[in-house]
Structures are given as structure tokens and as C-alpha cells.
Amino acid sequence: MYCTSCGIELPDSHRYCNQCGTRTATAPVAPQAGQTIPRLSRPRAGRKIAGVCAGLARYLGIDVTLVRILMVALALCPPSCGLIFYVICWIAMPNDVLLLPPPVATNPNSQGVPVAS
């Protein structure tokens, strides 16, 4: 492999050129502005028991029903293997951040009645 910037020969295992620092084809690409990196977490909405299947489905980009069917199959075929995996994921996966609405401005003399903006 050759560097596209300075032209020196590089081993295939290098991610960056040791001469000029240019990224090679094997280097990981950083996410662009506006892109989010998928994060493995349990959603607060759309969960049935603990949200493990919904979180796995969202992370993998597949349908949550398919993940739930696979989880039940794992729980039944090798006895309790899927159940142990589910409990470990329940403990290890964090919940999504709770997004609260912005606070409503109140007049200090109105005894908790919101002020119209």
C-alpha cells in the first residue's frame, strides 16, 4: 500500500502514514457532523419488560419483534441460557437519558400559576 499524500510505501497494517500522518484506507472513519454513533442502551418508551430487546434491536438496526422471538428461542432451547443473557443485559445496559420538559416560568406572587409569555 502507498500513501496517497506523500507516496511512500506502507505496510498493509498501518492506519496512518508515518511520514505525513494521512489516513489510509484501513483507518476508521470519524462520524460526520450531525451523525450519531449508535449507543447500546435501554429505551424508556416501547419496552415490554426491561427494554433489553428494544435496545438491542435499535442498536443492531433490526425489528424488535425479531429480537424478542430470538430471545424467547434462546430461553427455551438451551435451558435458561437466554434468560441469563437477558438478566445480564438488564443489569449492564443503562437506561436512556430522561428528557424533561423545560421549566415553566412562574410569577413569585402568583402562587405557582404559570405566567403567559
N, C-alpha and C. Protein backbone atom coordinates (compact mmCIF):
# COMPACT_ATOMS: atom_id res chain seq x y z
N MET A 1 0.85 -1.16 0.00
CA MET A 1 0.00 0.00 0.00
C MET A 1 0.91 1.23 0.00
N TYR A 2 0.47 2.25 -0.73
CA TYR A 2 1.22 3.51 -0.81
C TYR A 2 0.37 4.64 -0.24
N CYS A 3 1.02 5.61 0.37
CA CYS A 3 0.35 6.79 0.91
C CYS A 3 -0.14 7.64 -0.27
N THR A 4 -1.38 8.10 -0.21
CA THR A 4 -1.94 8.91 -1.29
C THR A 4 -1.44 10.35 -1.23
N SER A 5 -0.84 10.74 -0.13
CA SER A 5 -0.37 12.11 0.01
C SER A 5 1.11 12.26 -0.34
N CYS A 6 1.96 11.45 0.30
CA CYS A 6 3.41 11.62 0.08
C CYS A 6 4.01 10.52 -0.78
N GLY A 7 3.31 9.40 -1.00
CA GLY A 7 3.75 8.37 -1.91
C GLY A 7 4.69 7.32 -1.36
N ILE A 8 4.97 7.31 -0.06
CA ILE A 8 5.88 6.29 0.47
C ILE A 8 5.12 4.97 0.64
N GLU A 9 5.86 3.88 0.62
CA GLU A 9 5.26 2.56 0.76
C GLU A 9 5.00 2.27 2.24
N LEU A 10 3.80 1.77 2.54
CA LEU A 10 3.39 1.46 3.91
C LEU A 10 2.99 0.00 4.01
N PRO A 11 3.21 -0.62 5.15
CA PRO A 11 2.67 -1.96 5.36
C PRO A 11 1.13 -1.90 5.39
N ASP A 12 0.49 -3.00 5.04
CA ASP A 12 -0.98 -3.02 5.00
C ASP A 12 -1.62 -2.83 6.36
N SER A 13 -0.90 -3.09 7.43
CA SER A 13 -1.48 -2.98 8.77
C SER A 13 -1.53 -1.54 9.29
N HIS A 14 -0.83 -0.61 8.64
CA HIS A 14 -0.80 0.78 9.12
C HIS A 14 -2.11 1.49 8.80
N ARG A 15 -2.58 2.26 9.76
CA ARG A 15 -3.80 3.05 9.57
C ARG A 15 -3.51 4.47 9.14
N TYR A 16 -2.33 4.96 9.49
CA TYR A 16 -1.92 6.32 9.14
C TYR A 16 -0.50 6.28 8.60
N CYS A 17 -0.18 7.21 7.73
CA CYS A 17 1.16 7.31 7.17
C CYS A 17 2.12 7.81 8.26
N ASN A 18 3.26 7.12 8.43
CA ASN A 18 4.21 7.55 9.46
C ASN A 18 5.06 8.72 9.00
N GLN A 19 4.97 9.09 7.74
CA GLN A 19 5.73 10.23 7.22
C GLN A 19 4.91 11.53 7.31
N CYS A 20 3.68 11.51 6.81
CA CYS A 20 2.89 12.75 6.75
C CYS A 20 1.65 12.72 7.63
N GLY A 21 1.22 11.54 8.13
CA GLY A 21 0.07 11.45 9.03
C GLY A 21 -1.26 11.32 8.32
N THR A 22 -1.27 11.13 7.01
CA THR A 22 -2.51 10.99 6.27
C THR A 22 -3.17 9.66 6.59
N ARG A 23 -4.51 9.68 6.68
CA ARG A 23 -5.28 8.48 6.97
C ARG A 23 -5.24 7.56 5.76
N THR A 24 -5.05 6.24 6.00
CA THR A 24 -5.06 5.26 4.91
C THR A 24 -6.47 4.69 4.77
N ALA A 25 -6.65 3.79 3.84
CA ALA A 25 -7.97 3.21 3.60
C ALA A 25 -8.43 2.32 4.76
N THR A 26 -7.50 1.80 5.56
CA THR A 26 -7.87 0.91 6.66
C THR A 26 -8.16 1.66 7.96
N ALA A 27 -7.99 2.98 7.98
CA ALA A 27 -8.24 3.75 9.21
C ALA A 27 -9.74 3.92 9.41
N PRO A 28 -10.19 3.92 10.67
CA PRO A 28 -11.62 4.13 10.93
C PRO A 28 -12.02 5.56 10.55
N VAL A 29 -13.22 5.68 10.03
CA VAL A 29 -13.72 6.98 9.61
C VAL A 29 -14.49 7.60 10.77
N ALA A 30 -14.17 8.85 11.09
CA ALA A 30 -14.88 9.56 12.16
C ALA A 30 -16.26 9.95 11.68
N PRO A 31 -17.26 9.97 12.57
CA PRO A 31 -18.61 10.35 12.14
C PRO A 31 -18.66 11.81 11.70
N GLN A 32 -19.48 12.08 10.69
CA GLN A 32 -19.64 13.43 10.19
C GLN A 32 -20.50 14.24 11.16
N ALA A 33 -20.51 15.55 10.98
CA ALA A 33 -21.33 16.42 11.82
C ALA A 33 -22.80 16.05 11.62
N GLY A 34 -23.53 15.92 12.69
CA GLY A 34 -24.93 15.57 12.63
C GLY A 34 -25.19 14.08 12.74
N GLN A 35 -24.18 13.24 12.51
CA GLN A 35 -24.33 11.81 12.67
C GLN A 35 -24.14 11.43 14.13
N THR A 36 -24.89 10.46 14.58
CA THR A 36 -24.72 9.99 15.94
C THR A 36 -24.18 8.56 15.90
N ILE A 37 -23.35 8.23 16.84
CA ILE A 37 -22.83 6.88 16.97
C ILE A 37 -23.87 6.08 17.74
N PRO A 38 -24.30 4.91 17.22
CA PRO A 38 -25.30 4.15 17.95
C PRO A 38 -24.78 3.74 19.33
N ARG A 39 -25.63 3.88 20.32
CA ARG A 39 -25.26 3.58 21.69
C ARG A 39 -26.17 2.49 22.22
N LEU A 40 -25.60 1.48 22.83
CA LEU A 40 -26.39 0.38 23.36
C LEU A 40 -26.96 0.79 24.71
N SER A 41 -28.27 1.03 24.73
CA SER A 41 -28.95 1.41 25.96
C SER A 41 -30.41 0.96 25.87
N ARG A 42 -31.07 0.93 27.01
CA ARG A 42 -32.47 0.52 27.07
C ARG A 42 -33.37 1.74 26.93
N PRO A 43 -34.29 1.75 25.95
CA PRO A 43 -35.18 2.91 25.80
C PRO A 43 -36.22 2.95 26.91
N ARG A 44 -36.70 4.13 27.19
CA ARG A 44 -37.74 4.28 28.21
C ARG A 44 -39.13 4.09 27.63
N ALA A 45 -39.29 4.22 26.33
CA ALA A 45 -40.58 4.04 25.66
C ALA A 45 -40.49 2.80 24.77
N GLY A 46 -41.58 2.07 24.66
CA GLY A 46 -41.63 0.91 23.78
C GLY A 46 -41.06 -0.36 24.38
N ARG A 47 -40.87 -0.39 25.67
CA ARG A 47 -40.32 -1.59 26.31
C ARG A 47 -41.46 -2.45 26.81
N LYS A 48 -41.22 -3.76 26.87
CA LYS A 48 -42.22 -4.69 27.40
C LYS A 48 -41.90 -5.07 28.84
N ILE A 49 -40.68 -5.54 29.11
CA ILE A 49 -40.30 -5.90 30.48
C ILE A 49 -39.25 -4.92 30.97
N ALA A 50 -38.05 -4.98 30.40
CA ALA A 50 -36.98 -4.10 30.86
C ALA A 50 -36.41 -3.26 29.72
N GLY A 51 -36.79 -3.55 28.48
CA GLY A 51 -36.30 -2.78 27.35
C GLY A 51 -35.03 -3.33 26.73
N VAL A 52 -34.62 -4.53 27.13
CA VAL A 52 -33.38 -5.11 26.60
C VAL A 52 -33.54 -5.42 25.11
N CYS A 53 -34.63 -6.07 24.73
CA CYS A 53 -34.83 -6.42 23.32
C CYS A 53 -34.99 -5.17 22.46
N ALA A 54 -35.70 -4.17 22.96
CA ALA A 54 -35.86 -2.93 22.21
C ALA A 54 -34.53 -2.21 22.04
N GLY A 55 -33.70 -2.23 23.06
CA GLY A 55 -32.38 -1.60 22.97
C GLY A 55 -31.46 -2.34 22.00
N LEU A 56 -31.47 -3.67 22.05
CA LEU A 56 -30.66 -4.45 21.12
C LEU A 56 -31.12 -4.25 19.69
N ALA A 57 -32.44 -4.21 19.47
CA ALA A 57 -32.98 -4.02 18.13
C ALA A 57 -32.61 -2.65 17.58
N ARG A 58 -32.69 -1.62 18.42
CA ARG A 58 -32.33 -0.27 17.98
C ARG A 58 -30.84 -0.20 17.67
N TYR A 59 -30.01 -0.83 18.47
CA TYR A 59 -28.56 -0.81 18.25
C TYR A 59 -28.17 -1.55 16.98
N LEU A 60 -28.80 -2.71 16.73
CA LEU A 60 -28.47 -3.51 15.56
C LEU A 60 -29.20 -3.06 14.30
N GLY A 61 -30.24 -2.24 14.46
CA GLY A 61 -30.98 -1.73 13.31
C GLY A 61 -31.93 -2.77 12.71
N ILE A 62 -32.49 -3.64 13.55
CA ILE A 62 -33.44 -4.65 13.08
C ILE A 62 -34.75 -4.50 13.85
N ASP A 63 -35.75 -5.27 13.42
CA ASP A 63 -37.07 -5.19 14.03
C ASP A 63 -37.06 -5.77 15.44
N VAL A 64 -37.74 -5.10 16.35
CA VAL A 64 -37.75 -5.53 17.75
C VAL A 64 -38.47 -6.86 17.91
N THR A 65 -39.45 -7.16 17.06
CA THR A 65 -40.17 -8.43 17.16
C THR A 65 -39.23 -9.60 16.87
N LEU A 66 -38.35 -9.43 15.91
CA LEU A 66 -37.38 -10.48 15.60
C LEU A 66 -36.45 -10.73 16.79
N VAL A 67 -36.01 -9.68 17.45
CA VAL A 67 -35.13 -9.83 18.61
C VAL A 67 -35.88 -10.52 19.75
N ARG A 68 -37.14 -10.17 19.94
CA ARG A 68 -37.92 -10.81 21.01
C ARG A 68 -38.13 -12.30 20.73
N ILE A 69 -38.39 -12.65 19.47
CA ILE A 69 -38.56 -14.07 19.12
C ILE A 69 -37.25 -14.83 19.33
N LEU A 70 -36.14 -14.24 18.93
CA LEU A 70 -34.84 -14.88 19.16
C LEU A 70 -34.53 -15.03 20.64
N MET A 71 -34.92 -14.06 21.44
CA MET A 71 -34.66 -14.13 22.88
C MET A 71 -35.49 -15.24 23.52
N VAL A 72 -36.73 -15.40 23.09
CA VAL A 72 -37.57 -16.49 23.62
C VAL A 72 -36.99 -17.84 23.18
N ALA A 73 -36.54 -17.92 21.93
CA ALA A 73 -35.94 -19.17 21.45
C ALA A 73 -34.68 -19.51 22.24
N LEU A 74 -33.87 -18.51 22.55
CA LEU A 74 -32.67 -18.76 23.36
C LEU A 74 -33.03 -19.17 24.79
N ALA A 75 -34.12 -18.65 25.29
CA ALA A 75 -34.52 -19.01 26.65
C ALA A 75 -35.05 -20.44 26.73
N LEU A 76 -35.59 -20.95 25.62
CA LEU A 76 -36.19 -22.29 25.64
C LEU A 76 -35.25 -23.39 25.16
N CYS A 77 -34.48 -23.14 24.10
CA CYS A 77 -33.66 -24.22 23.51
C CYS A 77 -32.54 -24.67 24.44
N PRO A 78 -31.49 -23.89 24.67
CA PRO A 78 -30.60 -24.29 25.75
C PRO A 78 -31.21 -23.74 27.04
N PRO A 79 -31.68 -24.60 27.91
CA PRO A 79 -32.45 -24.13 29.07
C PRO A 79 -31.75 -23.01 29.85
N SER A 80 -32.46 -21.93 30.00
CA SER A 80 -32.11 -20.74 30.78
C SER A 80 -30.91 -19.95 30.25
N CYS A 81 -30.34 -20.33 29.12
CA CYS A 81 -29.22 -19.57 28.56
C CYS A 81 -29.67 -18.18 28.15
N GLY A 82 -30.81 -18.08 27.47
CA GLY A 82 -31.35 -16.79 27.06
C GLY A 82 -31.80 -15.96 28.24
N LEU A 83 -32.32 -16.61 29.27
CA LEU A 83 -32.76 -15.89 30.46
C LEU A 83 -31.57 -15.28 31.20
N ILE A 84 -30.48 -16.00 31.29
CA ILE A 84 -29.27 -15.48 31.93
C ILE A 84 -28.72 -14.31 31.12
N PHE A 85 -28.70 -14.44 29.78
CA PHE A 85 -28.24 -13.36 28.91
C PHE A 85 -29.11 -12.12 29.09
N TYR A 86 -30.44 -12.31 29.19
CA TYR A 86 -31.36 -11.19 29.36
C TYR A 86 -31.12 -10.46 30.68
N VAL A 87 -30.93 -11.21 31.74
CA VAL A 87 -30.69 -10.59 33.06
C VAL A 87 -29.36 -9.85 33.08
N ILE A 88 -28.33 -10.42 32.47
CA ILE A 88 -27.03 -9.73 32.41
C ILE A 88 -27.16 -8.44 31.61
N CYS A 89 -27.87 -8.49 30.48
CA CYS A 89 -28.08 -7.27 29.68
C CYS A 89 -28.90 -6.25 30.46
N TRP A 90 -29.88 -6.70 31.21
CA TRP A 90 -30.72 -5.81 32.01
C TRP A 90 -29.86 -5.05 33.03
N ILE A 91 -28.91 -5.74 33.63
CA ILE A 91 -28.04 -5.12 34.62
C ILE A 91 -26.99 -4.23 33.96
N ALA A 92 -26.42 -4.68 32.84
CA ALA A 92 -25.30 -3.97 32.22
C ALA A 92 -25.72 -2.79 31.34
N MET A 93 -26.87 -2.87 30.68
CA MET A 93 -27.29 -1.81 29.75
C MET A 93 -27.90 -0.66 30.53
N PRO A 94 -27.42 0.57 30.31
CA PRO A 94 -28.02 1.71 31.01
C PRO A 94 -29.32 2.13 30.35
N ASN A 95 -30.17 2.81 31.11
CA ASN A 95 -31.39 3.39 30.57
C ASN A 95 -31.05 4.61 29.73
N ASP A 96 -31.94 4.95 28.79
CA ASP A 96 -31.78 6.20 28.06
C ASP A 96 -31.89 7.37 29.02
N VAL A 97 -31.33 8.49 28.62
CA VAL A 97 -31.40 9.70 29.43
C VAL A 97 -32.85 10.17 29.47
N LEU A 98 -33.32 10.54 30.64
CA LEU A 98 -34.67 11.03 30.80
C LEU A 98 -34.71 12.49 30.39
N LEU A 99 -35.44 12.78 29.32
CA LEU A 99 -35.54 14.15 28.83
C LEU A 99 -36.77 14.81 29.45
N LEU A 100 -36.53 15.80 30.28
CA LEU A 100 -37.61 16.53 30.94
C LEU A 100 -37.96 17.78 30.15
N PRO A 101 -39.22 18.22 30.20
CA PRO A 101 -39.58 19.45 29.51
C PRO A 101 -38.93 20.64 30.21
N PRO A 102 -38.74 21.75 29.48
CA PRO A 102 -38.14 22.92 30.12
C PRO A 102 -39.04 23.46 31.22
N PRO A 103 -38.47 24.05 32.25
CA PRO A 103 -39.29 24.56 33.35
C PRO A 103 -40.16 25.72 32.88
N VAL A 104 -41.34 25.82 33.49
CA VAL A 104 -42.27 26.90 33.18
C VAL A 104 -41.99 28.05 34.13
N ALA A 105 -41.86 29.25 33.58
CA ALA A 105 -41.61 30.43 34.41
C ALA A 105 -42.88 30.79 35.18
N THR A 106 -42.72 31.01 36.47
CA THR A 106 -43.87 31.41 37.29
C THR A 106 -43.57 32.74 37.95
N ASN A 107 -44.62 33.47 38.22
CA ASN A 107 -44.52 34.73 38.92
C ASN A 107 -44.41 34.43 40.41
N PRO A 108 -43.44 35.01 41.13
CA PRO A 108 -43.29 34.68 42.55
C PRO A 108 -44.52 35.06 43.39
N ASN A 109 -45.33 35.98 42.92
CA ASN A 109 -46.51 36.40 43.68
C ASN A 109 -47.77 35.66 43.26
N SER A 110 -47.71 34.76 42.30
CA SER A 110 -48.92 34.14 41.76
C SER A 110 -49.20 32.78 42.37
N GLN A 111 -48.38 32.29 43.26
CA GLN A 111 -48.56 31.03 43.99
C GLN A 111 -48.62 29.83 43.03
N GLY A 112 -47.62 29.75 42.11
CA GLY A 112 -47.49 28.59 41.25
C GLY A 112 -48.25 28.65 39.96
N VAL A 113 -48.96 29.71 39.67
CA VAL A 113 -49.70 29.82 38.43
C VAL A 113 -48.73 30.28 37.34
N PRO A 114 -48.65 29.55 36.20
CA PRO A 114 -47.72 29.92 35.14
C PRO A 114 -48.03 31.30 34.55
N VAL A 115 -46.98 32.00 34.18
CA VAL A 115 -47.11 33.32 33.57
C VAL A 115 -47.20 33.15 32.07
N ALA A 116 -48.15 33.82 31.42
CA ALA A 116 -48.28 33.77 29.97
C ALA A 116 -47.16 34.59 29.36
N SER A 117 -46.52 34.02 28.33
CA SER A 117 -45.42 34.72 27.67
C SER A 117 -45.92 35.55 26.53
